[in-house]
Structure formats: C-alpha cells, structure tokens
N, C-alpha and C. Protein backbone atom coordinates (compact mmCIF):
# COMPACT_ATOMS: atom_id res chain seq x y z
N UNK A 1 5.87 30.76 36.22
CA UNK A 1 5.69 30.50 37.62
C UNK A 1 5.26 29.06 37.81
N UNK A 2 5.86 28.38 38.75
CA UNK A 2 5.57 26.98 38.99
C UNK A 2 4.34 26.82 39.85
N UNK A 3 3.55 25.76 39.64
CA UNK A 3 2.34 25.56 40.43
C UNK A 3 2.67 25.19 41.87
N UNK A 4 1.68 25.25 42.71
CA UNK A 4 1.85 25.01 44.13
C UNK A 4 2.30 23.57 44.42
N UNK A 5 1.82 22.60 43.64
CA UNK A 5 2.15 21.20 43.91
C UNK A 5 3.50 20.77 43.32
N UNK A 6 4.30 21.71 42.92
CA UNK A 6 5.61 21.40 42.34
C UNK A 6 6.66 21.55 43.43
N UNK A 7 7.64 20.72 43.60
CA UNK A 7 7.88 19.40 43.02
C UNK A 7 6.96 18.35 43.60
N UNK A 8 6.98 17.15 43.04
CA UNK A 8 6.05 16.11 43.49
C UNK A 8 6.27 15.78 44.96
N UNK A 9 5.17 15.56 45.67
CA UNK A 9 5.25 15.30 47.10
C UNK A 9 5.71 13.88 47.39
N UNK A 10 5.31 12.95 46.58
CA UNK A 10 5.68 11.56 46.86
C UNK A 10 6.71 11.08 45.86
N UNK A 11 7.67 10.32 46.35
CA UNK A 11 8.68 9.72 45.51
C UNK A 11 8.37 8.23 45.46
N UNK A 12 8.29 7.63 44.26
CA UNK A 12 7.91 6.22 44.18
C UNK A 12 8.94 5.33 44.86
N UNK A 13 8.46 4.24 45.40
CA UNK A 13 9.32 3.29 46.08
C UNK A 13 9.75 2.21 45.09
N UNK A 14 10.91 1.69 45.23
CA UNK A 14 11.44 0.66 44.34
C UNK A 14 12.88 0.41 44.73
N UNK A 15 13.76 0.30 43.77
CA UNK A 15 15.17 0.13 44.04
C UNK A 15 15.75 1.43 44.58
N UNK A 16 17.01 1.41 45.01
CA UNK A 16 17.59 2.61 45.59
C UNK A 16 17.66 3.78 44.62
N UNK A 17 17.82 3.53 43.33
CA UNK A 17 17.91 4.61 42.36
C UNK A 17 16.64 4.77 41.54
N UNK A 18 15.81 3.74 41.52
CA UNK A 18 14.60 3.78 40.70
C UNK A 18 13.68 4.91 41.11
N UNK A 19 13.42 5.05 42.40
CA UNK A 19 12.55 6.11 42.89
C UNK A 19 13.14 7.48 42.63
N UNK A 20 14.43 7.61 42.87
CA UNK A 20 15.09 8.89 42.67
C UNK A 20 15.06 9.29 41.20
N UNK A 21 15.36 8.33 40.31
CA UNK A 21 15.39 8.62 38.88
C UNK A 21 14.00 8.99 38.36
N UNK A 22 13.00 8.24 38.79
CA UNK A 22 11.63 8.54 38.35
C UNK A 22 11.21 9.93 38.83
N UNK A 23 11.57 10.27 40.07
CA UNK A 23 11.23 11.59 40.59
C UNK A 23 11.95 12.68 39.80
N UNK A 24 13.23 12.50 39.47
CA UNK A 24 13.98 13.49 38.70
C UNK A 24 13.37 13.66 37.30
N UNK A 25 12.97 12.56 36.69
CA UNK A 25 12.36 12.64 35.36
C UNK A 25 11.05 13.41 35.44
N UNK A 26 10.21 13.10 36.44
CA UNK A 26 8.94 13.82 36.59
C UNK A 26 9.18 15.30 36.85
N UNK A 27 10.17 15.61 37.67
CA UNK A 27 10.47 17.01 37.96
C UNK A 27 10.89 17.72 36.68
N UNK A 28 11.76 17.10 35.89
CA UNK A 28 12.23 17.73 34.66
C UNK A 28 11.09 17.92 33.67
N UNK A 29 10.21 16.93 33.57
CA UNK A 29 9.07 17.05 32.67
C UNK A 29 8.18 18.21 33.12
N UNK A 30 7.93 18.32 34.42
CA UNK A 30 7.09 19.41 34.92
C UNK A 30 7.76 20.77 34.70
N UNK A 31 9.08 20.82 34.87
CA UNK A 31 9.79 22.08 34.61
C UNK A 31 9.59 22.52 33.16
N UNK A 32 9.79 21.56 32.26
CA UNK A 32 9.62 21.87 30.84
C UNK A 32 8.18 22.27 30.56
N UNK A 33 7.24 21.53 31.13
CA UNK A 33 5.82 21.78 30.88
C UNK A 33 5.40 23.15 31.39
N UNK A 34 5.77 23.50 32.62
CA UNK A 34 5.29 24.72 33.22
C UNK A 34 6.07 25.96 32.78
N UNK A 35 7.26 25.78 32.25
CA UNK A 35 8.04 26.95 31.84
C UNK A 35 8.10 27.11 30.33
N UNK A 36 7.29 26.35 29.61
CA UNK A 36 7.39 26.36 28.15
C UNK A 36 6.50 27.41 27.49
N UNK A 37 5.88 28.27 28.24
CA UNK A 37 5.03 29.29 27.63
C UNK A 37 3.68 28.72 27.27
N UNK A 38 3.12 29.21 26.21
CA UNK A 38 1.79 28.78 25.80
C UNK A 38 1.89 27.45 25.07
N UNK A 39 1.56 26.37 25.77
CA UNK A 39 1.72 25.03 25.24
C UNK A 39 0.78 24.74 24.08
N UNK A 40 -0.44 25.25 24.14
CA UNK A 40 -1.38 24.98 23.05
C UNK A 40 -0.90 25.56 21.73
N UNK A 41 -0.36 26.77 21.78
CA UNK A 41 0.15 27.39 20.55
C UNK A 41 1.31 26.59 19.99
N UNK A 42 2.18 26.11 20.86
CA UNK A 42 3.32 25.33 20.38
C UNK A 42 2.85 24.03 19.75
N UNK A 43 1.88 23.37 20.37
CA UNK A 43 1.37 22.12 19.80
C UNK A 43 0.66 22.39 18.48
N UNK A 44 -0.07 23.50 18.41
CA UNK A 44 -0.77 23.84 17.18
C UNK A 44 0.24 24.11 16.07
N UNK A 45 1.34 24.80 16.38
CA UNK A 45 2.36 25.08 15.38
C UNK A 45 3.00 23.79 14.89
N UNK A 46 3.24 22.85 15.81
CA UNK A 46 3.81 21.57 15.39
C UNK A 46 2.84 20.83 14.48
N UNK A 47 1.56 20.86 14.83
CA UNK A 47 0.57 20.17 14.02
C UNK A 47 0.44 20.81 12.65
N UNK A 48 0.66 22.13 12.56
CA UNK A 48 0.55 22.81 11.27
C UNK A 48 1.67 22.44 10.32
N UNK A 49 2.79 21.91 10.82
CA UNK A 49 3.90 21.57 9.95
C UNK A 49 3.86 20.12 9.49
N UNK A 50 2.86 19.37 9.89
CA UNK A 50 2.80 17.96 9.56
C UNK A 50 1.39 17.59 9.16
N UNK A 51 1.25 16.91 8.04
CA UNK A 51 -0.05 16.43 7.59
C UNK A 51 0.09 14.96 7.26
N UNK A 52 -0.75 14.14 7.85
CA UNK A 52 -0.68 12.71 7.54
C UNK A 52 -1.00 12.45 6.07
N UNK A 53 -1.84 13.26 5.50
CA UNK A 53 -2.16 13.01 4.09
C UNK A 53 -0.99 13.37 3.18
N UNK A 54 0.06 14.02 3.72
CA UNK A 54 1.27 14.27 2.94
C UNK A 54 2.21 13.07 2.95
N UNK A 55 1.80 12.00 3.61
CA UNK A 55 2.56 10.76 3.58
C UNK A 55 1.87 9.87 2.55
N UNK A 56 2.37 9.88 1.33
CA UNK A 56 1.67 9.12 0.29
C UNK A 56 1.87 7.62 0.47
N UNK A 57 0.86 6.88 0.11
CA UNK A 57 0.94 5.44 0.12
C UNK A 57 0.67 4.98 -1.30
N UNK A 58 1.74 4.75 -2.09
CA UNK A 58 1.54 4.38 -3.49
C UNK A 58 0.83 3.04 -3.62
N UNK A 59 -0.23 3.05 -4.39
CA UNK A 59 -1.04 1.84 -4.55
C UNK A 59 -0.24 0.70 -5.14
N UNK A 60 0.65 0.99 -6.07
CA UNK A 60 1.42 -0.09 -6.72
C UNK A 60 2.31 -0.81 -5.70
N UNK A 61 2.96 -0.06 -4.84
CA UNK A 61 3.83 -0.68 -3.84
C UNK A 61 3.03 -1.51 -2.84
N UNK A 62 1.93 -0.95 -2.37
CA UNK A 62 1.10 -1.67 -1.40
C UNK A 62 0.50 -2.91 -2.04
N UNK A 63 0.00 -2.78 -3.26
CA UNK A 63 -0.56 -3.94 -3.95
C UNK A 63 0.51 -5.01 -4.16
N UNK A 64 1.71 -4.61 -4.55
CA UNK A 64 2.79 -5.58 -4.72
C UNK A 64 3.12 -6.30 -3.42
N UNK A 65 3.16 -5.55 -2.31
CA UNK A 65 3.44 -6.18 -1.02
C UNK A 65 2.33 -7.14 -0.61
N UNK A 66 1.08 -6.73 -0.79
CA UNK A 66 -0.05 -7.58 -0.39
C UNK A 66 -0.11 -8.84 -1.26
N UNK A 67 -0.01 -8.66 -2.57
CA UNK A 67 -0.08 -9.82 -3.48
C UNK A 67 1.12 -10.74 -3.25
N UNK A 68 2.31 -10.16 -3.12
CA UNK A 68 3.50 -10.97 -2.89
C UNK A 68 3.44 -11.74 -1.58
N UNK A 69 2.97 -11.10 -0.52
CA UNK A 69 2.85 -11.79 0.77
C UNK A 69 1.79 -12.88 0.70
N UNK A 70 0.70 -12.62 -0.01
CA UNK A 70 -0.35 -13.63 -0.15
C UNK A 70 0.16 -14.83 -0.94
N UNK A 71 0.85 -14.58 -2.04
CA UNK A 71 1.41 -15.69 -2.82
C UNK A 71 2.43 -16.48 -2.00
N UNK A 72 3.22 -15.76 -1.21
CA UNK A 72 4.23 -16.43 -0.39
C UNK A 72 3.58 -17.28 0.70
N UNK A 73 2.41 -16.86 1.18
CA UNK A 73 1.71 -17.64 2.20
C UNK A 73 1.20 -18.96 1.63
N UNK A 74 0.78 -18.95 0.36
CA UNK A 74 0.23 -20.16 -0.24
C UNK A 74 1.28 -21.00 -0.96
N UNK A 75 2.21 -20.33 -1.64
CA UNK A 75 3.26 -21.03 -2.38
C UNK A 75 4.60 -20.37 -2.01
N UNK A 76 5.21 -20.80 -0.91
CA UNK A 76 6.45 -20.15 -0.47
C UNK A 76 7.59 -20.34 -1.47
N UNK A 77 8.19 -19.26 -1.85
CA UNK A 77 9.37 -19.28 -2.72
C UNK A 77 10.42 -18.36 -2.09
N UNK A 78 11.47 -18.95 -1.56
CA UNK A 78 12.51 -18.16 -0.94
C UNK A 78 13.57 -17.78 -1.95
N UNK A 79 14.23 -16.66 -1.69
CA UNK A 79 15.33 -16.23 -2.54
C UNK A 79 16.56 -17.09 -2.25
N UNK A 80 16.80 -17.36 -0.98
CA UNK A 80 17.95 -18.15 -0.57
C UNK A 80 17.60 -18.91 0.70
N UNK A 81 18.33 -19.97 0.96
CA UNK A 81 18.10 -20.72 2.19
C UNK A 81 18.88 -20.12 3.36
N UNK A 82 19.81 -19.22 3.07
CA UNK A 82 20.59 -18.55 4.10
C UNK A 82 20.20 -17.07 4.10
N UNK A 83 19.23 -16.67 4.93
CA UNK A 83 18.70 -15.31 4.86
C UNK A 83 19.56 -14.25 5.53
N UNK A 84 20.69 -14.61 6.14
CA UNK A 84 21.49 -13.62 6.86
C UNK A 84 21.99 -12.51 5.94
N UNK A 85 22.45 -12.86 4.75
CA UNK A 85 22.89 -11.84 3.80
C UNK A 85 21.74 -10.91 3.41
N UNK A 86 20.56 -11.50 3.24
CA UNK A 86 19.41 -10.69 2.86
C UNK A 86 19.03 -9.73 3.97
N UNK A 87 19.14 -10.15 5.21
CA UNK A 87 18.84 -9.25 6.33
C UNK A 87 19.84 -8.11 6.37
N UNK A 88 21.12 -8.45 6.12
CA UNK A 88 22.16 -7.41 6.12
C UNK A 88 21.88 -6.37 5.04
N UNK A 89 21.35 -6.79 3.91
CA UNK A 89 21.01 -5.85 2.84
C UNK A 89 19.64 -5.21 3.05
N UNK A 90 18.71 -5.95 3.63
CA UNK A 90 17.33 -5.48 3.74
C UNK A 90 17.09 -4.41 4.78
N UNK A 91 17.63 -4.59 5.97
CA UNK A 91 17.37 -3.62 7.04
C UNK A 91 17.91 -2.23 6.72
N UNK A 92 19.13 -2.09 6.16
CA UNK A 92 19.55 -0.74 5.77
C UNK A 92 18.66 -0.12 4.69
N UNK A 93 18.15 -0.93 3.77
CA UNK A 93 17.23 -0.39 2.76
C UNK A 93 15.93 0.09 3.40
N UNK A 94 15.42 -0.68 4.35
CA UNK A 94 14.20 -0.26 5.05
C UNK A 94 14.47 1.04 5.81
N UNK A 95 15.59 1.11 6.51
CA UNK A 95 15.93 2.33 7.23
C UNK A 95 16.11 3.52 6.30
N UNK A 96 16.80 3.29 5.18
CA UNK A 96 17.00 4.39 4.21
C UNK A 96 15.67 4.85 3.63
N UNK A 97 14.78 3.91 3.34
CA UNK A 97 13.46 4.27 2.82
C UNK A 97 12.66 5.10 3.81
N UNK A 98 12.70 4.70 5.07
CA UNK A 98 11.97 5.45 6.10
C UNK A 98 12.58 6.84 6.28
N UNK A 99 13.91 6.92 6.34
CA UNK A 99 14.55 8.22 6.53
C UNK A 99 14.32 9.16 5.35
N UNK A 100 14.45 8.63 4.13
CA UNK A 100 14.22 9.46 2.95
C UNK A 100 12.77 9.92 2.89
N UNK A 101 11.85 9.01 3.19
CA UNK A 101 10.43 9.39 3.20
C UNK A 101 10.13 10.46 4.24
N UNK A 102 10.70 10.31 5.44
CA UNK A 102 10.49 11.31 6.48
C UNK A 102 11.09 12.66 6.09
N UNK A 103 12.27 12.62 5.46
CA UNK A 103 12.91 13.86 5.02
C UNK A 103 12.05 14.56 3.97
N UNK A 104 11.52 13.78 3.04
CA UNK A 104 10.69 14.35 1.98
C UNK A 104 9.38 14.92 2.55
N UNK A 105 8.75 14.19 3.46
CA UNK A 105 7.51 14.69 4.06
C UNK A 105 7.80 15.95 4.87
N UNK A 106 8.94 15.98 5.55
CA UNK A 106 9.33 17.18 6.28
C UNK A 106 9.57 18.36 5.35
N UNK A 107 10.14 18.11 4.18
CA UNK A 107 10.36 19.18 3.21
C UNK A 107 9.04 19.71 2.66
N UNK A 108 8.07 18.83 2.49
CA UNK A 108 6.75 19.25 2.02
C UNK A 108 6.07 20.09 3.08
N UNK A 109 6.23 19.70 4.34
CA UNK A 109 5.69 20.49 5.45
C UNK A 109 4.19 20.63 5.43
N UNK A 110 3.72 21.84 5.47
CA UNK A 110 2.30 22.13 5.58
C UNK A 110 1.60 22.25 4.24
N UNK A 111 2.33 22.10 3.15
CA UNK A 111 1.72 22.24 1.83
C UNK A 111 0.80 21.04 1.55
N UNK A 112 -0.22 21.29 0.80
CA UNK A 112 -1.15 20.24 0.44
C UNK A 112 -0.66 19.57 -0.84
N UNK A 113 -0.29 18.31 -0.77
CA UNK A 113 0.25 17.64 -1.95
C UNK A 113 -0.83 17.21 -2.93
N UNK A 114 -2.07 17.16 -2.48
CA UNK A 114 -3.16 16.78 -3.39
C UNK A 114 -3.46 17.90 -4.38
N UNK A 115 -3.41 19.13 -3.92
CA UNK A 115 -3.61 20.28 -4.80
C UNK A 115 -2.56 21.33 -4.45
N UNK A 116 -1.33 21.15 -4.97
CA UNK A 116 -0.24 22.05 -4.57
C UNK A 116 -0.41 23.45 -5.14
N UNK A 117 0.02 24.41 -4.32
CA UNK A 117 -0.02 25.80 -4.77
C UNK A 117 1.39 26.31 -5.09
N UNK A 118 2.41 25.51 -4.76
CA UNK A 118 3.79 25.87 -5.07
C UNK A 118 4.62 24.60 -5.21
N UNK A 119 5.72 24.72 -5.94
CA UNK A 119 6.63 23.59 -6.11
C UNK A 119 7.52 23.44 -4.87
N UNK A 120 7.78 22.22 -4.49
CA UNK A 120 8.73 21.94 -3.41
C UNK A 120 10.05 21.59 -4.07
N UNK A 121 11.05 22.42 -3.86
CA UNK A 121 12.35 22.20 -4.50
C UNK A 121 13.47 22.14 -3.48
N UNK A 122 13.14 21.98 -2.20
CA UNK A 122 14.15 21.91 -1.15
C UNK A 122 14.22 20.49 -0.59
N UNK A 123 15.21 20.26 0.26
CA UNK A 123 15.37 18.94 0.85
C UNK A 123 15.71 17.92 -0.22
N UNK A 124 15.12 16.73 -0.15
CA UNK A 124 15.43 15.71 -1.15
C UNK A 124 14.88 16.05 -2.53
N UNK A 125 13.92 16.99 -2.59
CA UNK A 125 13.37 17.40 -3.88
C UNK A 125 14.38 18.22 -4.70
N UNK A 126 15.47 18.62 -4.08
CA UNK A 126 16.54 19.31 -4.81
C UNK A 126 17.39 18.31 -5.59
N UNK A 127 17.31 17.02 -5.25
CA UNK A 127 18.11 15.98 -5.91
C UNK A 127 17.27 15.05 -6.77
N UNK A 128 16.00 14.93 -6.45
CA UNK A 128 15.11 14.04 -7.18
C UNK A 128 13.72 14.65 -7.19
N UNK A 129 13.02 14.53 -8.32
CA UNK A 129 11.66 15.07 -8.37
C UNK A 129 10.68 14.15 -7.65
N UNK A 130 11.07 12.92 -7.39
CA UNK A 130 10.16 11.95 -6.79
C UNK A 130 10.83 11.17 -5.65
N UNK A 131 11.30 11.84 -4.61
CA UNK A 131 11.99 11.11 -3.55
C UNK A 131 11.08 10.19 -2.74
N UNK A 132 9.79 10.49 -2.70
CA UNK A 132 8.89 9.61 -1.95
C UNK A 132 8.71 8.27 -2.64
N UNK A 133 8.68 8.27 -3.96
CA UNK A 133 8.61 6.99 -4.68
C UNK A 133 9.91 6.20 -4.54
N UNK A 134 11.03 6.89 -4.50
CA UNK A 134 12.31 6.22 -4.27
C UNK A 134 12.32 5.61 -2.87
N UNK A 135 11.80 6.36 -1.90
CA UNK A 135 11.74 5.85 -0.53
C UNK A 135 10.86 4.61 -0.44
N UNK A 136 9.71 4.65 -1.10
CA UNK A 136 8.83 3.48 -1.08
C UNK A 136 9.45 2.29 -1.79
N UNK A 137 10.19 2.54 -2.86
CA UNK A 137 10.83 1.43 -3.57
C UNK A 137 11.94 0.82 -2.71
N UNK A 138 12.73 1.66 -2.03
CA UNK A 138 13.75 1.14 -1.12
C UNK A 138 13.10 0.33 0.00
N UNK A 139 11.99 0.81 0.52
CA UNK A 139 11.27 0.09 1.56
C UNK A 139 10.74 -1.25 1.03
N UNK A 140 10.20 -1.24 -0.16
CA UNK A 140 9.67 -2.46 -0.78
C UNK A 140 10.78 -3.51 -0.96
N UNK A 141 11.90 -3.08 -1.53
CA UNK A 141 13.01 -4.02 -1.77
C UNK A 141 13.59 -4.49 -0.44
N UNK A 142 13.70 -3.60 0.53
CA UNK A 142 14.19 -3.99 1.85
C UNK A 142 13.29 -5.03 2.50
N UNK A 143 11.99 -4.84 2.40
CA UNK A 143 11.04 -5.82 2.95
C UNK A 143 11.18 -7.14 2.21
N UNK A 144 11.35 -7.08 0.89
CA UNK A 144 11.52 -8.31 0.11
C UNK A 144 12.77 -9.08 0.58
N UNK A 145 13.85 -8.36 0.86
CA UNK A 145 15.05 -9.01 1.36
C UNK A 145 14.82 -9.62 2.74
N UNK A 146 14.24 -8.86 3.64
CA UNK A 146 14.07 -9.32 5.03
C UNK A 146 13.11 -10.50 5.10
N UNK A 147 12.03 -10.44 4.34
CA UNK A 147 11.04 -11.52 4.36
C UNK A 147 11.55 -12.74 3.59
N UNK A 148 12.52 -12.53 2.70
CA UNK A 148 13.13 -13.62 1.93
C UNK A 148 12.09 -14.32 1.05
N UNK A 149 11.38 -13.54 0.27
CA UNK A 149 10.41 -14.12 -0.65
C UNK A 149 10.73 -13.69 -2.07
N UNK A 150 10.69 -14.65 -2.96
CA UNK A 150 10.96 -14.36 -4.37
C UNK A 150 9.78 -13.65 -5.02
N UNK A 151 8.57 -13.83 -4.46
CA UNK A 151 7.38 -13.24 -5.07
C UNK A 151 7.47 -11.72 -5.14
N UNK A 152 8.01 -11.10 -4.13
CA UNK A 152 8.11 -9.64 -4.17
C UNK A 152 9.08 -9.18 -5.26
N UNK A 153 10.13 -9.96 -5.48
CA UNK A 153 11.06 -9.61 -6.56
C UNK A 153 10.45 -9.89 -7.92
N UNK A 154 9.65 -10.94 -8.03
CA UNK A 154 8.97 -11.23 -9.29
C UNK A 154 7.98 -10.12 -9.63
N UNK A 155 7.31 -9.58 -8.61
CA UNK A 155 6.33 -8.51 -8.83
C UNK A 155 6.97 -7.12 -8.95
N UNK A 156 8.25 -6.99 -8.61
CA UNK A 156 8.91 -5.68 -8.62
C UNK A 156 8.84 -4.97 -9.97
N UNK A 157 9.08 -5.63 -11.11
CA UNK A 157 8.96 -4.91 -12.39
C UNK A 157 7.56 -4.34 -12.63
N UNK A 158 6.53 -5.09 -12.23
CA UNK A 158 5.16 -4.59 -12.39
C UNK A 158 4.94 -3.36 -11.52
N UNK A 159 5.44 -3.42 -10.29
CA UNK A 159 5.33 -2.29 -9.36
C UNK A 159 6.05 -1.07 -9.94
N UNK A 160 7.25 -1.28 -10.47
CA UNK A 160 8.03 -0.16 -11.01
C UNK A 160 7.37 0.46 -12.24
N UNK A 161 6.81 -0.38 -13.12
CA UNK A 161 6.13 0.16 -14.31
C UNK A 161 4.89 0.95 -13.90
N UNK A 162 4.11 0.41 -12.96
CA UNK A 162 2.92 1.12 -12.50
C UNK A 162 3.31 2.44 -11.82
N UNK A 163 4.38 2.42 -11.06
CA UNK A 163 4.86 3.65 -10.40
C UNK A 163 5.32 4.66 -11.44
N UNK A 164 6.04 4.19 -12.46
CA UNK A 164 6.53 5.10 -13.50
C UNK A 164 5.36 5.76 -14.25
N UNK A 165 4.31 4.99 -14.52
CA UNK A 165 3.13 5.56 -15.18
C UNK A 165 2.51 6.64 -14.30
N UNK A 166 2.42 6.38 -13.00
CA UNK A 166 1.88 7.36 -12.07
C UNK A 166 2.74 8.62 -12.01
N UNK A 167 4.07 8.42 -11.97
CA UNK A 167 5.00 9.56 -11.91
C UNK A 167 4.88 10.42 -13.16
N UNK A 168 4.78 9.80 -14.32
CA UNK A 168 4.64 10.58 -15.56
C UNK A 168 3.33 11.36 -15.59
N UNK A 169 2.25 10.72 -15.11
CA UNK A 169 0.96 11.41 -15.06
C UNK A 169 1.02 12.60 -14.10
N UNK A 170 1.64 12.40 -12.93
CA UNK A 170 1.79 13.50 -11.98
C UNK A 170 2.67 14.62 -12.55
N UNK A 171 3.71 14.24 -13.28
CA UNK A 171 4.58 15.24 -13.90
C UNK A 171 3.84 16.09 -14.90
N UNK A 172 2.97 15.46 -15.71
CA UNK A 172 2.18 16.22 -16.68
C UNK A 172 1.22 17.19 -15.99
N UNK A 173 0.61 16.74 -14.89
CA UNK A 173 -0.31 17.63 -14.19
C UNK A 173 0.44 18.78 -13.52
N UNK A 174 1.64 18.53 -13.00
CA UNK A 174 2.44 19.62 -12.42
C UNK A 174 2.91 20.60 -13.50
N UNK A 175 3.23 20.07 -14.68
CA UNK A 175 3.64 20.95 -15.77
C UNK A 175 2.48 21.84 -16.21
N UNK A 176 1.27 21.30 -16.22
CA UNK A 176 0.11 22.13 -16.54
C UNK A 176 -0.13 23.19 -15.47
N UNK A 177 0.05 22.80 -14.22
CA UNK A 177 -0.25 23.73 -13.11
C UNK A 177 0.80 24.82 -12.98
N UNK A 178 2.08 24.48 -13.17
CA UNK A 178 3.15 25.44 -12.88
C UNK A 178 3.91 25.92 -14.11
N UNK A 179 3.65 25.35 -15.28
CA UNK A 179 4.22 25.83 -16.54
C UNK A 179 5.73 25.87 -16.58
N UNK A 180 6.28 27.06 -16.87
CA UNK A 180 7.72 27.23 -17.05
C UNK A 180 8.50 26.94 -15.78
N UNK A 181 7.92 27.22 -14.63
CA UNK A 181 8.60 26.94 -13.36
C UNK A 181 8.89 25.46 -13.20
N UNK A 182 7.91 24.62 -13.54
CA UNK A 182 8.12 23.17 -13.44
C UNK A 182 9.07 22.68 -14.53
N UNK A 183 8.97 23.25 -15.74
CA UNK A 183 9.87 22.83 -16.81
C UNK A 183 11.32 23.13 -16.46
N UNK A 184 11.56 24.28 -15.85
CA UNK A 184 12.92 24.63 -15.42
C UNK A 184 13.39 23.66 -14.32
N UNK A 185 12.51 23.36 -13.38
CA UNK A 185 12.83 22.41 -12.32
C UNK A 185 13.10 21.03 -12.92
N UNK A 186 12.30 20.66 -13.90
CA UNK A 186 12.46 19.37 -14.56
C UNK A 186 13.78 19.27 -15.29
N UNK A 187 14.25 20.36 -15.87
CA UNK A 187 15.54 20.37 -16.57
C UNK A 187 16.71 20.31 -15.59
N UNK A 188 16.53 20.83 -14.38
CA UNK A 188 17.61 20.88 -13.40
C UNK A 188 17.71 19.64 -12.53
N UNK A 189 16.59 18.96 -12.28
CA UNK A 189 16.55 17.86 -11.32
C UNK A 189 16.07 16.60 -12.02
N UNK A 190 16.73 15.49 -11.74
CA UNK A 190 16.36 14.22 -12.35
C UNK A 190 15.01 13.71 -11.83
N UNK A 191 14.40 12.82 -12.62
CA UNK A 191 13.11 12.26 -12.22
C UNK A 191 13.27 11.35 -11.01
N UNK A 192 14.27 10.49 -11.01
CA UNK A 192 14.46 9.55 -9.91
C UNK A 192 15.81 9.80 -9.23
N UNK A 193 16.85 9.19 -9.75
CA UNK A 193 18.18 9.33 -9.12
C UNK A 193 19.15 10.01 -10.05
C-alpha cells in the first residue's frame, strides 16, 4: 500500500524536461521502495552475502606499489616516453583485475576467509586456486603501465616471489585443515593459471 504523500506534491522547476524527469525518477524510486516488502530484511540479506574482510589486500602488492611510487617520486624512471601504448595495455589489465577480484569475492560470499569452514571451488576458484592473487597481480601490472614507471616493473619479481611464498603457506594450511578434499582440489585445479 502506498503512503498518503505519494506521488510527490511538488515537481522541481528547471528545464522543460528536467522537472518532469526528476519527478518520474522520484516516483519510480518510491514505487520500488514502498512495494518492495520488508526492506530491512532485504538489506540484511545483501549484507550477509558480502564481507569487506573477504577482500584481501596482499601486503606484497601494496608494498610494491608504495615503494615503487615513492622511488618514482624521487627518481623518476619511465618505461617509455610515449605512454599511449602503455595506457592501452594498462587500463584493460586494471579492469580485468577488478572484475576477477569482484568475481572471486562474490564466489566466496559469506564465508570467512580468515578461518574457512569449507573449500570454495566455484566461480573463478574452479579455474585457479588463487584468483584473488591473479587479480591483484593484473591490477599491479596495469597500474605500472598506466603510471609509466619502471620502478614497479623492477619490483615485480620481488612482489611475485613474496606472493608465491604466501600462496604456498596458505596452501599448506588449507591442506592441513581440509586433508583429502583439498588434495583432490589441488590435483584438479592449477595454482595460478
């Protein structure tokens, strides 16, 4: 049932279509709001499927970005003097990293990644055991291209080695926690790509 003050009494003044469009948008929003059932339950259900702490921030990648940007601020070293090619390569990598990371976090859903109670084997985890690290690496390389700094590329091997050490440590802890289930998953799905 719609409230008594629906639809809005005043229509904003502006251009000939601006007021009409704003009023139509407000009307549609109110229709959705008032006819959507129990809004608190829906918002609570949405919040239950997303955890910010399930968005990992790998220390190696962040440290590489911070150190590389700091070095570039004091001693600039560009990859090329014509950055257009780097932008063409960098922005798709940044986009791919964000999309892959979002897909992986969505696949994890409401599970606690700090102390998992079950293996996640759906979504990107069906193709890679570590899609979030792949996403962060794509993001790192994309940023290095867009910013056009050689320092991030110089630091990339250190970042990758530190990430690999972390991935192996996490793999051992998952193998201890899940035993044969993780070993079977490990045999079926590659570590990275």
